[in-house]
Amino acid sequence: MKKISAIIIAATLSLGFYSCGNDANMEEKPAEAAKEEHAEGAVELTEAQMKSIGVEIGTIEQKQLTASLKANGVLRVPNQNKAQINSVYPGVIKTLLVQPGNTVTKGQVIATVGNPQFIITQEEYLSLTPKITLAQQEVTRQQELIQGNAGALKNLQAAESNLRTMQTRKVSLEEQLRLMGISPAKLSGTHLISVIPVMSPINGVVSNVTVKIGSYVDTNTPILDLVDNSQLHLDLFVYEKDLSKLKENQTIHFTLTNNPGKEYDAQIYSLGSSFEDESKAVSVHALVKGDKQGLIDGMNITALISLENITAPAVPTDAIVTMQGQDFIFAVSEKQEAHAGETVFEKIPVAKGTTDVGYTQVTLLKNIAPNTKIVTKGAFFVQAKMVNTGEGEHEH
């Protein structure tokens, strides 16, 4: 009987210890959770660490920034700055003097075309000169006969009509020769031209050559295409609600959508007066200024349109880091205890606004005390330290 009682007492004590153990664990859990929360939302750095990674401390400042509007668009070259070059007369391509990528000037010979008909036209033109001389002499003779009452008026009229016909034909042939690129004044019976030049009508860059030497071309056959980028402009698509913010001569900064590394400038010269297709976007036109190297008709661009100046809370752009799609800054925490010689930083979520002159407007998504010290330089390294610390504790 005594033996049974001893067993019962032992079992009861064991249960008591187990219960106490559980209570102790439950009391410790909040402390551990707090420690994990502290590690997840904050990080401690010593003065030596801050100095080695270049962390600088400052405050959120009131900065005058230039507000801007973001818009998408496309590069365009006006049709008057494009040319599809054809031969005025049919013939065979004898020479091609340019290739894609070449820069040409207005009036430059880019190809030559040959055709025996060119010689026939010149021959007819040259033969008209003596015929016109004879026709003029005949008119003079008929006039003298009329004056001596020895001629008929109808003969004089026929002679004058014949002279006018030949003079008109000569003018027509002269214009045809000029269209061929042949100077009528330089023609002679011993100097006829069977190959005529094809000249560029504009300054530009050769974008495409569609024929080769020996190709037969007529007036409908394109020889090559030219593009003059000097008047390259942007077609921007701006929504109706933002249109009132824009005006002529406004400055635009833009980058290529697929290559944002280089920035270009443009200036608004025209605001659209109708919506594009079924969208609520209006086309805004801007002329590209300065360097146009690497810009091609049809490229997609992303533009930043400068608006009015605003004064807003701002931090250096490098003070903002992004974690899992949310932007943060790091503030010196006054709520969490730091070890001697260390500073505790906690991440403060923010919403970014206008960026200008190296500063970005921020809206705090968590309240902090006025004039709270923040990391103004080296935020990326503080972020890295926080991530590494979190990983280490997680593994432990």
Protein backbone atom coordinates (compact mmCIF):
# COMPACT_ATOMS: atom_id res chain seq x y z
CA MET A 1 0.00 0.00 0.00
CA LYS A 2 2.81 2.35 0.89
CA LYS A 3 4.51 1.48 -2.36
CA ILE A 4 1.42 2.50 -4.36
CA SER A 5 1.20 5.85 -2.50
CA ALA A 6 4.84 6.64 -3.30
CA ILE A 7 4.25 6.02 -6.97
CA ILE A 8 1.24 8.39 -6.98
CA ILE A 9 3.23 11.17 -5.23
CA ALA A 10 6.12 10.81 -7.68
CA ALA A 11 3.76 11.04 -10.63
CA THR A 12 2.12 14.16 -9.18
CA LEU A 13 5.47 15.90 -8.68
CA SER A 14 6.49 15.05 -12.22
CA LEU A 15 3.34 16.63 -13.56
CA GLY A 16 4.00 19.72 -11.43
CA PHE A 17 7.50 20.14 -12.83
CA TYR A 18 6.21 19.65 -16.37
CA SER A 19 3.58 22.30 -15.79
CA CYS A 20 6.12 24.73 -14.34
CA GLY A 21 8.39 24.07 -17.28
CA ASN A 22 5.62 24.94 -19.69
CA ASP A 23 4.85 28.15 -17.79
CA ALA A 24 8.49 29.15 -17.96
CA ASN A 25 8.59 28.53 -21.71
CA MET A 26 5.44 30.57 -22.19
CA GLU A 27 6.97 33.44 -20.25
CA GLU A 28 10.15 33.34 -22.34
CA LYS A 29 8.37 33.33 -25.73
CA PRO A 30 7.40 37.02 -25.76
CA ALA A 31 11.00 37.99 -25.03
CA GLU A 32 12.27 35.80 -27.90
CA ALA A 33 9.58 37.15 -30.23
CA ALA A 34 10.57 40.68 -29.31
CA LYS A 35 14.19 39.86 -30.02
CA GLU A 36 13.30 38.43 -33.44
CA GLU A 37 11.11 41.47 -34.21
CA HIS A 38 13.95 43.77 -33.23
CA ALA A 39 16.33 41.90 -35.52
CA GLU A 40 13.86 41.93 -38.38
CA GLY A 41 12.89 45.60 -38.21
CA ALA A 42 16.15 47.15 -37.03
CA VAL A 43 19.90 46.74 -37.14
CA GLU A 44 22.75 47.88 -34.87
CA LEU A 45 25.98 49.35 -36.20
CA THR A 46 29.08 50.42 -34.34
CA GLU A 47 30.81 53.70 -35.07
CA ALA A 48 33.68 51.76 -36.68
CA GLN A 49 31.25 49.89 -38.97
CA MET A 50 29.50 53.11 -39.96
CA LYS A 51 32.80 54.73 -40.79
CA SER A 52 34.09 51.76 -42.79
CA ILE A 53 31.00 51.50 -45.01
CA GLY A 54 30.56 55.28 -45.36
CA VAL A 55 27.28 55.73 -43.52
CA GLU A 56 26.34 59.39 -43.08
CA ILE A 57 23.57 60.78 -40.89
CA GLY A 58 21.26 63.71 -41.61
CA THR A 59 17.60 64.69 -41.53
CA ILE A 60 14.65 64.87 -43.90
CA GLU A 61 14.94 68.30 -45.57
CA GLN A 62 12.50 70.72 -47.18
CA LYS A 63 13.79 70.96 -50.77
CA GLN A 64 12.65 72.97 -53.79
CA LEU A 65 12.19 70.37 -56.50
CA THR A 66 10.95 70.56 -60.05
CA ALA A 67 7.83 68.42 -60.32
CA SER A 68 7.59 66.26 -63.43
CA LEU A 69 5.13 64.19 -65.41
CA LYS A 70 6.02 60.80 -66.86
CA ALA A 71 4.75 59.91 -70.34
CA ASN A 72 5.39 57.31 -73.03
CA GLY A 73 5.81 58.04 -76.71
CA VAL A 74 7.55 57.27 -79.95
CA LEU A 75 10.19 58.98 -82.10
CA ARG A 76 8.98 60.26 -85.46
CA VAL A 77 10.55 61.89 -88.51
CA PRO A 78 8.11 64.16 -90.43
CA ASN A 79 7.33 63.00 -93.96
CA GLN A 80 8.94 66.12 -95.41
CA ASN A 81 12.20 64.88 -93.92
CA LYS A 82 11.97 61.46 -95.54
CA ALA A 83 12.60 60.65 -99.19
CA GLN A 84 12.05 57.62 -101.39
CA ILE A 85 14.22 58.25 -104.44
CA ASN A 86 13.16 57.13 -107.91
CA SER A 87 14.63 57.77 -111.32
CA VAL A 88 12.73 60.40 -113.31
CA TYR A 89 13.30 58.32 -116.47
CA PRO A 90 13.44 54.54 -116.92
CA GLY A 91 16.75 52.85 -117.48
CA VAL A 92 19.40 50.47 -116.17
CA ILE A 93 21.35 51.19 -112.96
CA LYS A 94 24.95 51.79 -114.04
CA THR A 95 26.49 52.81 -110.70
CA LEU A 96 25.44 52.90 -107.02
CA LEU A 97 27.49 55.43 -105.08
CA VAL A 98 26.03 55.00 -101.57
CA GLN A 99 25.09 52.25 -99.15
CA PRO A 100 22.92 52.04 -96.01
CA GLY A 101 24.27 54.25 -93.24
CA ASN A 102 25.94 56.77 -95.56
CA THR A 103 25.24 60.45 -95.00
CA VAL A 104 24.36 62.39 -98.15
CA THR A 105 23.70 66.05 -98.92
CA LYS A 106 21.04 67.65 -101.08
CA GLY A 107 22.06 67.52 -104.76
CA GLN A 108 24.64 64.76 -104.26
CA VAL A 109 24.77 62.08 -106.98
CA ILE A 110 23.78 58.76 -105.45
CA ALA A 111 23.41 56.59 -108.59
CA THR A 112 23.47 56.75 -112.39
CA VAL A 113 20.94 55.37 -114.89
CA GLY A 114 21.60 54.57 -118.56
CA ASN A 115 19.15 54.54 -121.49
CA PRO A 116 19.71 55.11 -125.30
CA GLN A 117 16.56 57.25 -125.28
CA PHE A 118 18.53 59.92 -123.43
CA ILE A 119 20.69 60.40 -126.52
CA ILE A 120 17.63 60.68 -128.80
CA THR A 121 16.23 63.48 -126.61
CA GLN A 122 19.53 65.38 -126.75
CA GLU A 123 19.79 64.84 -130.51
CA GLU A 124 16.30 66.30 -131.05
CA TYR A 125 17.13 69.26 -128.85
CA LEU A 126 20.35 70.04 -130.71
CA SER A 127 18.67 69.70 -134.13
CA LEU A 128 16.03 72.26 -133.18
CA THR A 129 18.49 75.16 -132.97
CA PRO A 130 19.21 75.40 -136.73
CA LYS A 131 15.55 74.67 -137.53
CA ILE A 132 14.45 77.58 -135.36
CA THR A 133 16.99 79.82 -137.10
CA LEU A 134 15.52 78.89 -140.49
CA ALA A 135 11.97 79.39 -139.18
CA GLN A 136 12.86 82.87 -137.95
CA GLN A 137 14.35 83.71 -141.36
CA GLU A 138 11.17 82.51 -143.06
CA VAL A 139 9.03 84.72 -140.83
CA THR A 140 11.25 87.70 -141.67
CA ARG A 141 10.99 86.94 -145.40
CA GLN A 142 7.20 86.69 -145.30
CA GLN A 143 6.99 89.98 -143.41
CA GLU A 144 9.07 91.69 -146.13
CA LEU A 145 6.84 90.24 -148.86
CA ILE A 146 3.73 91.52 -147.12
CA GLN A 147 5.27 94.97 -146.87
CA GLY A 148 5.99 94.92 -150.65
CA ASN A 149 2.48 93.67 -151.40
CA ALA A 150 4.05 90.56 -152.91
CA GLY A 151 3.10 88.00 -150.27
CA ALA A 152 0.02 86.40 -148.80
CA LEU A 153 -0.99 86.94 -145.15
CA LYS A 154 -1.70 83.23 -144.66
CA ASN A 155 1.91 82.37 -145.54
CA LEU A 156 3.18 84.77 -142.86
CA GLN A 157 0.79 83.29 -140.31
CA ALA A 158 1.92 79.74 -141.17
CA ALA A 159 5.58 80.73 -140.79
CA GLU A 160 4.94 82.37 -137.41
CA SER A 161 2.97 79.33 -136.18
CA ASN A 162 5.78 76.99 -137.23
CA LEU A 163 8.34 79.15 -135.39
CA ARG A 164 6.26 79.18 -132.17
CA THR A 165 5.82 75.39 -132.31
CA MET A 166 9.54 74.80 -132.58
CA GLN A 167 10.34 77.31 -129.80
CA THR A 168 7.82 75.60 -127.49
CA ARG A 169 9.32 72.20 -128.29
CA LYS A 170 12.79 73.52 -127.49
CA VAL A 171 11.66 74.80 -124.09
CA SER A 172 10.02 71.43 -123.38
CA LEU A 173 13.20 69.54 -124.29
CA GLU A 174 15.29 71.88 -122.16
CA GLU A 175 13.13 71.08 -119.11
CA GLN A 176 13.35 67.35 -119.84
CA LEU A 177 17.12 67.58 -120.03
CA ARG A 178 17.29 69.47 -116.73
CA LEU A 179 15.15 66.75 -115.09
CA MET A 180 17.71 64.26 -116.39
CA GLY A 181 20.43 66.29 -114.72
CA ILE A 182 21.86 67.45 -118.06
CA SER A 183 22.69 71.11 -118.66
CA PRO A 184 21.37 72.11 -122.14
CA ALA A 185 24.05 74.80 -122.42
CA LYS A 186 26.82 72.19 -122.18
CA LEU A 187 25.49 69.99 -124.99
CA SER A 188 27.07 69.92 -128.42
CA GLY A 189 27.07 67.64 -131.45
CA THR A 190 30.25 65.99 -130.15
CA HIS A 191 29.18 65.77 -126.50
CA LEU A 192 26.08 63.64 -125.82
CA ILE A 193 25.27 61.91 -122.51
CA SER A 194 23.90 58.36 -122.31
CA VAL A 195 24.04 58.00 -118.52
CA ILE A 196 22.19 60.43 -116.26
CA PRO A 197 22.70 61.06 -112.53
CA VAL A 198 20.14 60.42 -109.80
CA MET A 199 20.54 63.10 -107.13
CA SER A 200 19.43 63.36 -103.51
CA PRO A 201 16.56 65.80 -102.94
CA ILE A 202 17.38 66.27 -99.21
CA ASN A 203 20.15 65.95 -96.66
CA GLY A 204 19.93 62.69 -94.77
CA VAL A 205 21.14 59.19 -94.05
CA VAL A 206 20.58 56.25 -96.40
CA SER A 207 18.26 53.83 -94.59
CA ASN A 208 17.64 51.30 -97.37
CA VAL A 209 18.91 50.48 -100.89
CA THR A 210 16.45 48.45 -102.96
CA VAL A 211 18.31 47.96 -106.28
CA LYS A 212 21.67 46.74 -107.50
CA ILE A 213 23.89 47.48 -110.47
CA GLY A 214 22.20 46.25 -113.64
CA SER A 215 18.67 46.52 -112.24
CA TYR A 216 16.11 48.00 -114.60
CA VAL A 217 14.15 50.82 -112.99
CA ASP A 218 11.22 52.90 -114.11
CA THR A 219 9.54 55.89 -112.53
CA ASN A 220 7.73 53.63 -110.03
CA THR A 221 10.81 51.72 -108.88
CA PRO A 222 12.35 53.03 -105.62
CA ILE A 223 16.15 53.11 -105.69
CA LEU A 224 16.75 53.94 -102.02
CA ASP A 225 15.26 55.59 -98.93
CA LEU A 226 16.65 58.61 -97.08
CA VAL A 227 15.87 59.90 -93.59
CA ASP A 228 16.82 63.33 -92.25
CA ASN A 229 16.95 63.15 -88.44
CA SER A 230 17.56 66.88 -88.00
CA GLN A 231 13.82 67.40 -87.45
CA LEU A 232 13.32 64.27 -85.34
CA HIS A 233 10.43 64.77 -82.92
CA LEU A 234 8.49 62.95 -80.20
CA ASP A 235 4.86 61.95 -80.31
CA LEU A 236 3.99 61.77 -76.62
CA PHE A 237 0.73 60.37 -75.30
CA VAL A 238 -0.58 62.39 -72.34
CA TYR A 239 -3.87 61.75 -70.55
CA GLU A 240 -6.60 64.37 -70.57
CA LYS A 241 -6.23 65.15 -66.84
CA ASP A 242 -2.54 66.10 -67.34
CA LEU A 243 -2.90 68.11 -70.54
CA SER A 244 -3.51 71.41 -68.69
CA LYS A 245 -0.08 71.07 -67.04
CA LEU A 246 1.71 71.31 -70.39
CA LYS A 247 2.49 74.28 -72.60
CA GLU A 248 4.55 75.09 -75.68
CA ASN A 249 8.35 75.45 -75.27
CA GLN A 250 8.27 73.23 -72.17
CA THR A 251 11.41 71.14 -71.66
CA ILE A 252 11.30 67.35 -71.83
CA HIS A 253 13.96 64.85 -70.79
CA PHE A 254 13.59 61.37 -72.28
CA THR A 255 15.33 58.03 -72.58
CA LEU A 256 14.91 55.09 -74.91
CA THR A 257 12.57 52.55 -73.35
CA ASN A 258 14.86 49.63 -74.26
CA ASN A 259 18.10 51.49 -73.45
CA PRO A 260 17.55 53.91 -70.55
CA GLY A 261 21.23 54.60 -69.96
CA LYS A 262 21.40 57.89 -71.91
CA GLU A 263 19.17 60.94 -71.53
CA TYR A 264 18.10 63.24 -74.38
CA ASP A 265 16.33 66.60 -74.47
CA ALA A 266 13.30 67.86 -76.39
CA GLN A 267 11.03 70.91 -76.43
CA ILE A 268 7.23 70.93 -76.85
CA TYR A 269 6.11 72.78 -79.97
CA SER A 270 2.51 71.60 -80.37
CA LEU A 271 -0.31 70.23 -78.19
CA GLY A 272 -2.79 67.87 -79.82
CA SER A 273 -6.44 68.85 -80.18
CA SER A 274 -8.00 65.38 -80.42
CA PHE A 275 -7.84 62.01 -78.69
CA GLU A 276 -5.76 59.18 -80.12
CA ASP A 277 -8.05 56.40 -81.37
CA GLU A 278 -10.43 55.35 -78.58
CA SER A 279 -8.09 56.21 -75.71
CA LYS A 280 -8.24 59.28 -73.51
CA ALA A 281 -4.66 60.16 -74.46
CA VAL A 282 -3.78 63.28 -76.43
CA SER A 283 -0.74 63.47 -78.72
CA VAL A 284 1.85 66.09 -77.72
CA HIS A 285 4.64 66.92 -80.17
CA ALA A 286 8.16 67.90 -79.13
CA LEU A 287 11.29 68.61 -81.20
CA VAL A 288 14.42 66.70 -80.21
CA LYS A 289 17.26 69.06 -79.28
CA GLY A 290 21.03 68.57 -79.23
CA ASP A 291 22.62 65.15 -79.67
CA LYS A 292 20.53 62.71 -81.74
CA GLN A 293 23.15 59.96 -81.91
CA GLY A 294 21.50 56.54 -81.70
CA LEU A 295 17.95 57.84 -82.24
CA ILE A 296 15.92 56.24 -85.03
CA ASP A 297 12.44 56.83 -86.38
CA GLY A 298 9.96 54.50 -84.64
CA MET A 299 11.85 53.98 -81.35
CA ASN A 300 9.76 53.88 -78.15
CA ILE A 301 10.73 56.41 -75.49
CA THR A 302 9.94 57.27 -71.87
CA ALA A 303 9.76 61.00 -71.18
CA LEU A 304 9.92 63.12 -68.05
CA ILE A 305 8.17 66.48 -68.55
CA SER A 306 9.33 69.26 -66.22
CA LEU A 307 6.46 71.05 -64.44
CA GLU A 308 6.36 73.76 -61.75
CA ASN A 309 8.74 73.98 -58.77
CA ILE A 310 7.48 72.59 -55.45
CA THR A 311 8.86 72.64 -51.89
CA ALA A 312 8.50 69.23 -50.26
CA PRO A 313 10.15 66.90 -47.72
CA ALA A 314 12.98 65.15 -49.50
CA VAL A 315 16.00 62.95 -48.90
CA PRO A 316 19.04 62.16 -51.05
CA THR A 317 17.93 59.62 -53.66
CA ASP A 318 20.61 57.19 -52.43
CA ALA A 319 18.98 57.23 -48.97
CA ILE A 320 16.04 55.21 -50.31
CA VAL A 321 16.21 51.42 -50.61
CA THR A 322 13.64 48.95 -51.87
CA MET A 323 12.68 45.73 -50.11
CA GLN A 324 10.06 43.38 -51.57
CA GLY A 325 8.54 46.16 -53.67
CA GLN A 326 8.33 48.70 -50.80
CA ASP A 327 10.57 51.77 -50.51
CA PHE A 328 12.26 52.52 -47.16
CA ILE A 329 14.61 54.91 -45.45
CA PHE A 330 16.60 54.12 -42.28
CA ALA A 331 16.02 56.25 -39.16
CA VAL A 332 17.97 56.31 -35.90
CA SER A 333 15.69 54.57 -33.40
CA GLU A 334 15.08 56.14 -30.02
CA LYS A 335 12.64 53.43 -28.93
CA GLN A 336 15.01 50.47 -29.00
CA GLU A 337 17.96 50.05 -26.69
CA ALA A 338 21.41 49.99 -28.22
CA HIS A 339 24.58 48.49 -26.79
CA ALA A 340 27.33 50.85 -25.78
CA GLY A 341 28.98 52.48 -28.81
CA GLU A 342 26.29 51.25 -31.20
CA THR A 343 23.40 52.93 -33.04
CA VAL A 344 20.10 51.21 -33.81
CA PHE A 345 18.54 51.91 -37.20
CA GLU A 346 14.97 50.98 -38.09
CA LYS A 347 13.45 50.94 -41.55
CA ILE A 348 10.69 53.46 -42.20
CA PRO A 349 8.37 52.83 -45.19
CA VAL A 350 7.96 55.80 -47.57
CA ALA A 351 6.24 56.66 -50.85
CA LYS A 352 8.47 58.31 -53.44
CA GLY A 353 7.48 61.44 -55.34
CA THR A 354 9.35 63.90 -57.58
CA THR A 355 13.08 63.34 -58.12
CA ASP A 356 15.32 66.29 -58.95
CA VAL A 357 18.95 67.40 -58.42
CA GLY A 358 19.82 64.21 -56.55
CA TYR A 359 16.92 64.44 -54.09
CA THR A 360 13.61 62.57 -54.00
CA GLN A 361 10.36 63.72 -52.43
CA VAL A 362 9.14 61.28 -49.74
CA THR A 363 5.88 60.76 -47.89
CA LEU A 364 6.34 58.92 -44.60
CA LEU A 365 4.09 55.88 -44.21
CA LYS A 366 5.05 55.57 -40.52
CA ASN A 367 5.20 58.47 -38.10
CA ILE A 368 8.56 59.47 -36.69
CA ALA A 369 9.51 62.41 -34.49
CA PRO A 370 10.40 65.70 -36.21
CA ASN A 371 14.12 66.11 -36.92
CA THR A 372 14.72 62.39 -36.49
CA LYS A 373 18.16 61.47 -37.74
CA ILE A 374 18.18 59.32 -40.87
CA VAL A 375 20.80 57.60 -43.02
CA THR A 376 21.54 59.97 -45.92
CA LYS A 377 24.42 57.99 -47.40
CA GLY A 378 25.22 54.28 -47.26
CA ALA A 379 21.62 53.06 -46.94
CA PHE A 380 22.37 50.19 -49.30
CA PHE A 381 25.04 48.86 -46.90
CA VAL A 382 22.72 49.24 -43.90
CA GLN A 383 20.14 47.21 -45.82
CA ALA A 384 22.74 44.52 -46.57
CA LYS A 385 23.75 44.40 -42.89
CA MET A 386 20.09 44.02 -41.86
CA VAL A 387 19.51 41.19 -44.35
CA ASN A 388 22.68 39.34 -43.28
CA THR A 389 21.83 39.71 -39.59
CA GLY A 390 18.32 38.43 -40.17
CA GLU A 391 19.61 35.41 -42.10
CA GLY A 392 22.14 34.56 -39.41
CA GLU A 393 19.54 34.60 -36.63
CA HIS A 394 17.13 32.61 -38.71
CA GLU A 395 19.71 29.90 -39.23
CA HIS A 396 20.54 29.88 -35.53
